[in-house]
Amino acid sequence: METMENITSLEDLKQALESRLDDKRWYDEKYCLEAVRRDGFALRYVRQQTPEICLEAVRKNGLALQYVHKQTPELCLEAVKDDGRALQYVHKQTLELCLEAVRENGFALRYVRQQTPEICLEAVRENGHALRYVRQQTPEICLEAVRRDGYALQYVHKQTPELCLEAVKNTVTALEFVDSRICEIKKETEMM
């Protein structure tokens, strides 16, 4: 096995990588299990994946799901529980998987293929800035986002005086994202 001191050129690096891939240990279940327990991404080298090896890999690092040959609902759930961004590698998304992913990381909303108001609401509850990935914004979703983080106002497609007020109450410096026309709209409604 090459040591880092022996790798001094790109050719050395190429040979080291090729020898790693040809290493017979990647066929040994015990060796592979120990490897993925240390680094979930080691799954990419495993030649004979078992459910146990895959489960250990995604528990260590949810993003290792990208190397799983045969996905199961259980594996996908474990992966998104560890890292919501693993949703991007899920072949068959379900409501449960999407909800779990956005609860772990609101930004996982960007990988949700079939967004629902429920999923979007959970995403902005976890992180108000996830509003940037909401395809169909509703007043309820926008309000929740600016309550979580006033700066989320910058992602609101249709600002209202109420949303702007809520954002600024939460974060006074969110004032910079208030559409200047909001003040004009507010004045017009007060005059009526």
Protein backbone atom coordinates (compact mmCIF):
# COMPACT_ATOMS: atom_id res chain seq x y z
CA MET A 1 0.00 0.00 0.00
CA GLU A 2 1.32 3.44 -0.91
CA THR A 3 2.10 5.96 1.78
CA MET A 4 1.65 9.68 1.32
CA GLU A 5 5.44 10.14 1.24
CA ASN A 6 5.69 7.86 -1.82
CA ILE A 7 3.15 9.89 -3.82
CA THR A 8 5.09 12.70 -5.46
CA SER A 9 3.56 12.91 -8.93
CA LEU A 10 0.22 12.57 -10.66
CA GLU A 11 1.34 9.19 -12.00
CA ASP A 12 2.06 8.02 -8.41
CA LEU A 13 -1.38 9.26 -7.38
CA LYS A 14 -3.04 7.41 -10.27
CA GLN A 15 -1.25 4.17 -9.39
CA ALA A 16 -2.17 4.52 -5.71
CA LEU A 17 -5.85 4.99 -6.59
CA GLU A 18 -5.85 2.02 -8.97
CA SER A 19 -4.22 -0.23 -6.36
CA ARG A 20 -6.82 0.87 -3.80
CA LEU A 21 -9.63 -0.13 -6.15
CA ASP A 22 -7.99 -3.47 -6.95
CA ASP A 23 -7.37 -4.19 -3.26
CA LYS A 24 -8.91 -7.61 -2.43
CA ARG A 25 -9.91 -6.39 1.04
CA TRP A 26 -12.87 -4.58 -0.56
CA TYR A 27 -14.44 -8.02 -1.04
CA ASP A 28 -14.16 -8.87 2.67
CA GLU A 29 -17.36 -8.08 4.59
CA LYS A 30 -15.70 -7.50 7.97
CA TYR A 31 -13.09 -5.19 6.48
CA CYS A 32 -15.75 -3.23 4.59
CA LEU A 33 -17.98 -2.94 7.64
CA GLU A 34 -15.12 -1.49 9.66
CA ALA A 35 -14.17 0.85 6.82
CA VAL A 36 -17.67 2.35 6.46
CA ARG A 37 -17.96 2.74 10.23
CA ARG A 38 -14.93 4.99 10.05
CA ASP A 39 -15.90 6.76 6.83
CA GLY A 40 -19.28 6.30 5.20
CA PHE A 41 -17.85 7.32 1.83
CA ALA A 42 -15.70 4.16 1.88
CA LEU A 43 -18.85 2.49 0.56
CA ARG A 44 -17.77 3.54 -2.94
CA TYR A 45 -14.99 0.92 -2.80
CA VAL A 46 -17.08 -1.95 -1.41
CA ARG A 47 -17.39 -4.64 -4.06
CA GLN A 48 -20.16 -6.72 -2.45
CA GLN A 49 -22.57 -4.43 -0.66
CA THR A 50 -24.80 -5.93 2.01
CA PRO A 51 -27.75 -4.21 3.69
CA GLU A 52 -25.74 -4.03 6.92
CA ILE A 53 -22.72 -2.40 5.27
CA CYS A 54 -24.92 0.12 3.48
CA LEU A 55 -26.86 0.94 6.64
CA GLU A 56 -23.65 1.56 8.59
CA ALA A 57 -22.33 3.76 5.78
CA VAL A 58 -25.39 6.03 5.62
CA ARG A 59 -25.57 6.24 9.41
CA LYS A 60 -22.00 7.48 9.44
CA ASN A 61 -22.59 9.87 6.54
CA GLY A 62 -26.01 10.23 4.92
CA LEU A 63 -24.44 11.44 1.68
CA ALA A 64 -22.94 7.96 1.23
CA LEU A 65 -26.38 7.07 -0.12
CA GLN A 66 -25.07 8.06 -3.53
CA TYR A 67 -22.93 4.88 -3.52
CA VAL A 68 -25.68 2.47 -2.46
CA HIS A 69 -26.49 0.07 -5.31
CA LYS A 70 -29.87 -1.09 -3.99
CA GLN A 71 -31.78 1.56 -2.09
CA THR A 72 -34.46 0.59 0.41
CA PRO A 73 -36.88 2.90 2.21
CA GLU A 74 -35.06 2.16 5.50
CA LEU A 75 -31.66 3.09 4.04
CA CYS A 76 -33.02 6.30 2.54
CA LEU A 77 -34.69 7.28 5.81
CA GLU A 78 -31.48 6.74 7.76
CA ALA A 79 -29.55 8.76 5.20
CA VAL A 80 -31.84 11.81 5.31
CA LYS A 81 -32.01 11.65 9.11
CA ASP A 82 -28.24 12.02 9.15
CA ASP A 83 -28.10 14.66 6.42
CA GLY A 84 -31.20 16.06 4.73
CA ARG A 85 -29.19 16.80 1.61
CA ALA A 86 -29.02 13.05 0.97
CA LEU A 87 -32.51 13.48 -0.48
CA GLN A 88 -30.85 14.41 -3.76
CA TYR A 89 -29.73 10.77 -4.10
CA VAL A 90 -33.06 9.15 -3.19
CA HIS A 91 -34.54 7.40 -6.22
CA LYS A 92 -38.10 7.09 -4.89
CA GLN A 93 -39.05 10.09 -2.79
CA THR A 94 -42.01 9.81 -0.43
CA LEU A 95 -43.76 12.40 1.70
CA GLU A 96 -42.21 10.85 4.82
CA LEU A 97 -38.67 10.99 3.40
CA CYS A 98 -39.08 14.57 2.20
CA LEU A 99 -40.47 15.73 5.54
CA GLU A 100 -37.64 14.03 7.43
CA ALA A 101 -35.07 15.58 5.10
CA VAL A 102 -36.33 19.16 5.45
CA ARG A 103 -36.69 18.78 9.21
CA GLU A 104 -33.02 17.89 9.36
CA ASN A 105 -31.98 20.60 6.89
CA GLY A 106 -34.46 23.10 5.48
CA PHE A 107 -32.29 23.60 2.42
CA ALA A 108 -33.01 19.99 1.41
CA LEU A 109 -36.20 21.49 -0.02
CA ARG A 110 -34.23 22.22 -3.16
CA TYR A 111 -34.12 18.44 -3.84
CA VAL A 112 -37.83 17.76 -3.24
CA ARG A 113 -39.39 16.79 -6.56
CA GLN A 114 -43.04 17.11 -5.48
CA GLN A 115 -43.31 20.04 -3.09
CA THR A 116 -46.42 20.29 -0.92
CA PRO A 117 -47.40 23.14 1.40
CA GLU A 118 -46.71 20.83 4.37
CA ILE A 119 -43.16 20.06 3.20
CA CYS A 120 -42.46 23.73 2.45
CA LEU A 121 -43.77 24.83 5.83
CA GLU A 122 -41.52 22.32 7.61
CA ALA A 123 -38.54 23.49 5.57
CA VAL A 124 -38.98 27.17 6.48
CA ARG A 125 -39.58 26.22 10.12
CA GLU A 126 -36.17 24.61 10.14
CA ASN A 127 -34.55 27.50 8.25
CA GLY A 128 -36.38 30.63 7.09
CA HIS A 129 -33.97 31.00 4.18
CA ALA A 130 -35.34 27.78 2.69
CA LEU A 131 -38.06 30.05 1.33
CA ARG A 132 -35.77 30.63 -1.64
CA TYR A 133 -36.55 27.06 -2.80
CA VAL A 134 -40.32 27.20 -2.33
CA ARG A 135 -41.86 26.98 -5.81
CA GLN A 136 -45.38 28.06 -4.81
CA GLN A 137 -45.24 30.53 -1.96
CA THR A 138 -48.32 31.05 0.19
CA PRO A 139 -48.87 33.80 2.74
CA GLU A 140 -48.67 31.20 5.54
CA ILE A 141 -45.32 29.83 4.34
CA CYS A 142 -43.87 33.32 3.86
CA LEU A 143 -45.07 34.45 7.29
CA GLU A 144 -43.48 31.43 8.96
CA ALA A 145 -40.21 32.09 7.11
CA VAL A 146 -39.94 35.75 8.15
CA ARG A 147 -40.91 34.86 11.71
CA ARG A 148 -37.99 32.43 11.79
CA ASP A 149 -35.61 34.86 10.15
CA GLY A 150 -36.47 38.39 9.06
CA TYR A 151 -33.87 38.20 6.31
CA ALA A 152 -36.05 35.61 4.57
CA LEU A 153 -38.05 38.61 3.36
CA GLN A 154 -35.60 38.89 0.48
CA TYR A 155 -37.08 35.67 -0.98
CA VAL A 156 -40.74 36.66 -0.69
CA HIS A 157 -42.21 37.02 -4.19
CA LYS A 158 -45.27 39.05 -3.17
CA GLN A 159 -44.55 41.23 -0.17
CA THR A 160 -47.40 42.58 1.91
CA PRO A 161 -47.26 45.25 4.59
CA GLU A 162 -47.97 42.57 7.22
CA LEU A 163 -45.11 40.34 6.06
CA CYS A 164 -42.70 43.26 5.96
CA LEU A 165 -43.71 44.39 9.43
CA GLU A 166 -43.27 40.87 10.82
CA ALA A 167 -39.83 40.57 9.19
CA VAL A 168 -38.64 43.91 10.54
CA LYS A 169 -40.04 43.14 14.02
CA ASN A 170 -37.95 39.98 13.95
CA THR A 171 -34.81 41.51 12.42
CA VAL A 172 -34.71 45.28 12.17
CA THR A 173 -32.01 45.22 9.49
CA ALA A 174 -34.38 43.25 7.24
CA LEU A 175 -35.69 46.72 6.41
CA GLU A 176 -33.24 46.73 3.51
CA PHE A 177 -35.33 44.01 1.80
CA VAL A 178 -38.66 45.81 2.10
CA ASP A 179 -39.97 46.71 -1.34
CA SER A 180 -40.32 50.50 -1.35
CA ARG A 181 -43.76 50.17 -2.96
CA ILE A 182 -45.05 48.59 0.27
CA CYS A 183 -45.11 51.99 1.97
CA GLU A 184 -47.08 53.43 -0.94
CA ILE A 185 -49.59 50.55 -0.81
CA LYS A 186 -49.98 51.02 2.95
CA LYS A 187 -50.63 54.78 2.53
CA GLU A 188 -53.22 54.13 -0.19
CA THR A 189 -55.16 51.64 1.96
CA GLU A 190 -55.11 54.00 4.94
CA MET A 191 -56.62 56.76 2.78
CA MET A 192 -59.57 54.58 1.69
